[in-house]
Amino acid sequence: MGVTVTARAAFGTARLVLAAVCVVALVSRFVWGLGSITFNAANFFAYLTIQSNIAFVVIATLAGISALRGPTDPKWMTTARAVVLSCIVTAGIVYAILLQQAGERSFAIDVPWSDQVLHFWLPAIAILEFLLAPGRGPAPWRTIPVVLGYPVVWGLLTLWRGAVVGWYPYFFLNPALVNGIGEFALFSGLALLLFAGLAAGFVALSHVRPLVGPARSR
């Protein structure tokens, strides 16, 4: 029992630290962007990466407090963490693909440390914490359509806003940069498949007994 309480406290503290690191990275990325004449604060907050990491700060903070206050996480929290993890990991994979494509086309993209943290380091550590943390219970499989709901709504709002302001966060959403509705549907479909695949993976992981301490009773 003592070991479990100690482990929960350690993971609770780790979650709060991750939330704090995410806040610092978000603020740093915003300040870094201010150095560009093309920077627009509204566009900054329109990125899926930024929105999902803001959600990560909220959920990681609540999860940290929960771990410090009790032996198990409430059922909704595992679901919420699986949803947010699916979003930040998807954003990281898409960002990595964009960097790789830019490199092949000899197009330089500046990658400040804050982007490295938000897209790569933070998601990797958060996955490890999700797998290890004691007191985590299983997320329901209906988490998958919940995960898919966010990018669908975000995408529709982004298309509407893009048509109004003439700016899109990702090239495949910009009608001027894709070869018709077919290419748009292809890229959008692949993105949704990635969301669904990661969501299914995290739900499956949540059904595996935590590697540290006991799981929450079902």
Protein backbone atom coordinates (compact mmCIF):
# COMPACT_ATOMS: atom_id res chain seq x y z
CA MET A 1 0.00 0.00 0.00
CA GLY A 2 2.80 2.39 0.93
CA VAL A 3 4.60 1.70 -2.33
CA THR A 4 1.41 2.39 -4.31
CA VAL A 5 0.78 5.67 -2.48
CA THR A 6 4.38 6.72 -3.04
CA ALA A 7 4.16 5.79 -6.74
CA ARG A 8 0.91 7.69 -7.16
CA ALA A 9 2.47 10.76 -5.55
CA ALA A 10 5.51 10.49 -7.81
CA PHE A 11 3.39 10.18 -10.95
CA GLY A 12 1.10 12.96 -9.76
CA THR A 13 4.10 15.24 -9.41
CA ALA A 14 5.38 14.14 -12.82
CA ARG A 15 2.05 15.04 -14.42
CA LEU A 16 2.16 18.51 -12.90
CA VAL A 17 5.74 18.94 -14.11
CA LEU A 18 4.72 17.91 -17.64
CA ALA A 19 1.86 20.43 -17.54
CA ALA A 20 4.29 23.17 -16.43
CA VAL A 21 6.80 22.25 -19.15
CA CYS A 22 4.01 22.39 -21.73
CA VAL A 23 2.99 25.87 -20.54
CA VAL A 24 6.58 27.10 -20.78
CA ALA A 25 6.94 25.62 -24.28
CA LEU A 26 3.65 27.16 -25.44
CA VAL A 27 4.60 30.60 -24.14
CA SER A 28 8.09 30.29 -25.64
CA ARG A 29 6.65 29.29 -29.01
CA PHE A 30 4.29 32.27 -28.94
CA VAL A 31 7.11 34.68 -28.06
CA TRP A 32 9.33 33.13 -30.75
CA GLY A 33 6.57 33.65 -33.29
CA LEU A 34 6.34 37.34 -32.41
CA GLY A 35 9.71 37.76 -34.11
CA SER A 36 8.12 37.06 -37.50
CA ILE A 37 6.37 39.82 -39.45
CA THR A 38 3.82 37.26 -40.63
CA PHE A 39 2.89 36.16 -37.09
CA ASN A 40 -0.78 36.35 -36.20
CA ALA A 41 -1.99 35.48 -32.71
CA ALA A 42 -5.37 34.22 -33.94
CA ASN A 43 -3.64 31.93 -36.44
CA PHE A 44 -1.30 30.67 -33.71
CA PHE A 45 -4.21 29.46 -31.62
CA ALA A 46 -5.89 27.95 -34.68
CA TYR A 47 -3.22 25.24 -34.98
CA LEU A 48 -4.32 21.78 -33.85
CA THR A 49 -0.97 21.40 -32.07
CA ILE A 50 -1.55 24.47 -29.93
CA GLN A 51 -5.15 23.62 -29.09
CA SER A 52 -4.36 20.01 -28.20
CA ASN A 53 -1.41 21.03 -26.02
CA ILE A 54 -3.55 23.55 -24.16
CA ALA A 55 -5.98 20.68 -23.53
CA PHE A 56 -2.99 18.59 -22.39
CA VAL A 57 -2.08 21.25 -19.79
CA VAL A 58 -5.61 21.14 -18.36
CA ILE A 59 -5.90 17.35 -18.29
CA ALA A 60 -2.36 16.76 -17.01
CA THR A 61 -2.97 19.25 -14.18
CA LEU A 62 -6.25 17.58 -13.19
CA ALA A 63 -4.64 14.13 -13.46
CA GLY A 64 -1.72 15.26 -11.31
CA ILE A 65 -4.03 16.57 -8.60
CA SER A 66 -6.07 13.36 -8.77
CA ALA A 67 -2.94 11.23 -8.31
CA LEU A 68 -1.86 13.29 -5.32
CA ARG A 69 -5.27 13.08 -3.66
CA GLY A 70 -6.31 9.47 -4.17
CA PRO A 71 -5.24 5.94 -5.17
CA THR A 72 -7.07 5.80 -8.53
CA ASP A 73 -8.07 8.07 -11.39
CA PRO A 74 -11.80 8.58 -12.05
CA LYS A 75 -13.15 6.77 -15.10
CA TRP A 76 -13.62 9.93 -17.18
CA MET A 77 -9.99 10.93 -16.69
CA THR A 78 -8.54 7.91 -18.48
CA THR A 79 -10.87 8.63 -21.39
CA ALA A 80 -9.90 12.31 -21.45
CA ARG A 81 -6.20 11.47 -21.30
CA ALA A 82 -6.55 8.98 -24.18
CA VAL A 83 -8.34 11.63 -26.26
CA VAL A 84 -5.70 14.29 -25.62
CA LEU A 85 -2.82 11.88 -26.16
CA SER A 86 -4.30 10.84 -29.52
CA CYS A 87 -4.39 14.51 -30.56
CA ILE A 88 -0.90 15.54 -29.47
CA VAL A 89 0.71 12.41 -30.91
CA THR A 90 -1.12 12.86 -34.23
CA ALA A 91 0.05 16.49 -34.35
CA GLY A 92 3.61 15.33 -33.74
CA ILE A 93 3.50 12.72 -36.50
CA VAL A 94 2.01 15.18 -39.00
CA TYR A 95 4.66 17.75 -38.06
CA ALA A 96 7.43 15.18 -38.56
CA ILE A 97 6.03 14.33 -42.02
CA LEU A 98 5.90 18.03 -42.96
CA LEU A 99 9.52 18.46 -41.86
CA GLN A 100 10.58 15.43 -43.86
CA GLN A 101 8.75 16.64 -46.96
CA ALA A 102 10.22 20.13 -46.59
CA GLY A 103 13.72 18.65 -46.33
CA GLU A 104 13.24 16.63 -49.52
CA ARG A 105 12.22 19.81 -51.33
CA SER A 106 15.13 21.84 -49.89
CA PHE A 107 12.68 24.09 -48.07
CA ALA A 108 14.04 25.22 -44.71
CA ILE A 109 11.72 25.22 -41.69
CA ASP A 110 12.94 26.68 -38.41
CA VAL A 111 12.31 24.30 -35.51
CA PRO A 112 12.77 26.07 -32.16
CA TRP A 113 13.21 24.03 -28.99
CA SER A 114 9.61 24.73 -28.05
CA ASP A 115 8.36 22.98 -31.20
CA GLN A 116 10.62 20.02 -30.47
CA VAL A 117 9.15 19.76 -26.97
CA LEU A 118 5.51 20.16 -28.05
CA HIS A 119 5.68 17.82 -31.04
CA PHE A 120 8.15 15.13 -29.95
CA TRP A 121 9.48 15.07 -26.38
CA LEU A 122 6.28 15.82 -24.50
CA PRO A 123 4.11 13.29 -26.39
CA ALA A 124 6.76 10.58 -25.98
CA ILE A 125 7.03 11.12 -22.21
CA ALA A 126 3.24 11.39 -21.86
CA ILE A 127 2.80 8.01 -23.59
CA LEU A 128 5.30 6.42 -21.21
CA GLU A 129 3.60 7.96 -18.19
CA PHE A 130 0.19 6.75 -19.42
CA LEU A 131 1.52 3.20 -19.75
CA LEU A 132 3.30 3.13 -16.38
CA ALA A 133 1.06 5.13 -14.05
CA PRO A 134 -0.68 3.26 -11.23
CA GLY A 135 -4.39 3.75 -10.63
CA ARG A 136 -5.31 3.97 -14.31
CA GLY A 137 -8.38 2.11 -15.44
CA PRO A 138 -9.60 1.06 -18.91
CA ALA A 139 -10.99 3.64 -21.33
CA PRO A 140 -14.15 2.62 -23.22
CA TRP A 141 -13.95 1.88 -26.93
CA ARG A 142 -16.42 4.70 -27.59
CA THR A 143 -13.43 6.96 -26.96
CA ILE A 144 -12.49 6.47 -30.64
CA PRO A 145 -15.48 8.38 -32.13
CA VAL A 146 -14.94 11.07 -29.49
CA VAL A 147 -11.37 11.48 -30.74
CA LEU A 148 -12.55 11.63 -34.35
CA GLY A 149 -15.16 14.24 -33.48
CA TYR A 150 -12.54 16.83 -32.58
CA PRO A 151 -10.58 16.92 -35.88
CA VAL A 152 -13.82 16.82 -37.88
CA VAL A 153 -15.25 19.86 -36.07
CA TRP A 154 -11.85 21.56 -36.06
CA GLY A 155 -11.45 20.89 -39.79
CA LEU A 156 -14.87 22.28 -40.70
CA LEU A 157 -14.28 25.42 -38.65
CA THR A 158 -10.79 25.77 -40.15
CA LEU A 159 -12.15 25.53 -43.69
CA TRP A 160 -14.77 28.16 -42.93
CA ARG A 161 -12.27 30.47 -41.25
CA GLY A 162 -9.71 29.91 -43.99
CA ALA A 163 -12.18 31.00 -46.64
CA VAL A 164 -12.83 34.18 -44.64
CA VAL A 165 -9.26 35.19 -43.70
CA GLY A 166 -7.33 33.46 -46.50
CA TRP A 167 -5.11 31.38 -44.21
CA TYR A 168 -4.95 27.64 -43.49
CA PRO A 169 -2.73 25.95 -40.88
CA TYR A 170 -1.90 22.97 -43.10
CA PHE A 171 -1.39 22.84 -46.85
CA PHE A 172 -3.86 20.04 -47.56
CA LEU A 173 -6.71 22.17 -46.20
CA ASN A 174 -5.92 24.99 -48.61
CA PRO A 175 -7.92 24.62 -51.86
CA ALA A 176 -5.19 26.51 -53.73
CA LEU A 177 -2.53 23.96 -52.74
CA VAL A 178 -4.30 20.66 -53.46
CA ASN A 179 -5.27 19.12 -56.79
CA GLY A 180 -9.01 19.11 -56.39
CA ILE A 181 -11.43 17.45 -54.00
CA GLY A 182 -9.84 14.03 -54.51
CA GLU A 183 -6.47 15.01 -53.05
CA PHE A 184 -8.18 16.93 -50.26
CA ALA A 185 -10.27 13.86 -49.40
CA LEU A 186 -7.19 11.61 -49.54
CA PHE A 187 -5.11 13.69 -47.11
CA SER A 188 -8.07 14.33 -44.81
CA GLY A 189 -8.97 10.64 -44.80
CA LEU A 190 -5.39 9.63 -43.97
CA ALA A 191 -5.34 12.14 -41.11
CA LEU A 192 -8.59 10.74 -39.70
CA LEU A 193 -7.26 7.18 -40.03
CA LEU A 194 -4.20 8.24 -38.05
CA PHE A 195 -6.41 9.74 -35.34
CA ALA A 196 -8.53 6.59 -35.21
CA GLY A 197 -5.52 4.27 -35.15
CA LEU A 198 -3.84 6.12 -32.32
CA ALA A 199 -7.08 6.36 -30.35
CA ALA A 200 -7.57 2.59 -30.71
CA GLY A 201 -3.98 2.07 -29.59
CA PHE A 202 -4.37 4.18 -26.47
CA VAL A 203 -7.68 2.57 -25.56
CA ALA A 204 -6.03 -0.84 -25.96
CA LEU A 205 -3.11 0.30 -23.79
CA SER A 206 -5.54 1.47 -21.12
CA HIS A 207 -6.84 -2.09 -20.85
CA VAL A 208 -3.34 -3.34 -20.05
CA ARG A 209 -2.48 -3.43 -16.37
CA PRO A 210 -0.28 -0.45 -15.40
CA LEU A 211 3.37 -1.40 -15.20
CA VAL A 212 3.67 0.30 -11.80
CA GLY A 213 1.19 -0.64 -9.08
CA PRO A 214 -2.40 -1.86 -9.46
CA ALA A 215 -5.03 -0.74 -11.93
CA ARG A 216 -8.30 0.91 -10.98
CA SER A 217 -11.05 -1.63 -10.44
CA ARG A 218 -13.38 -1.83 -13.43
